[in-house]
Amino acid sequence: MNDNRERVFVFDVACLPIHITTEAY
């Protein structure tokens, strides 16, 4: 379960810049 939570956290952090870039455009 800990590994799954870490994986989701990494995915969220990777998606964060994408959302910011989309909003910028």
Protein backbone atom coordinates (compact mmCIF):
# COMPACT_ATOMS: atom_id res chain seq x y z
CA MET A 1 0.00 0.00 0.00
CA ASN A 2 2.86 2.35 0.81
CA ASP A 3 4.36 1.76 -2.63
CA ASN A 4 1.01 2.55 -4.29
CA ARG A 5 0.69 5.79 -2.32
CA GLU A 6 4.22 6.81 -3.33
CA ARG A 7 3.43 6.06 -6.96
CA VAL A 8 0.31 8.27 -6.85
CA PHE A 9 2.31 11.06 -5.22
CA VAL A 10 4.93 10.95 -7.98
CA PHE A 11 2.16 10.93 -10.60
CA ASP A 12 0.49 13.97 -8.98
CA VAL A 13 3.78 15.89 -8.87
CA ALA A 14 4.45 15.04 -12.53
CA CYS A 15 0.95 16.19 -13.50
CA LEU A 16 1.18 19.46 -11.57
CA PRO A 17 3.53 21.24 -14.05
CA ILE A 18 1.38 19.98 -16.94
CA HIS A 19 -1.73 21.59 -15.44
CA ILE A 20 0.14 24.86 -14.88
CA THR A 21 1.42 24.84 -18.47
CA THR A 22 -2.10 24.15 -19.78
CA GLU A 23 -3.46 27.05 -17.74
CA ALA A 24 -0.67 29.32 -18.99
CA TYR A 25 -1.61 28.55 -22.56
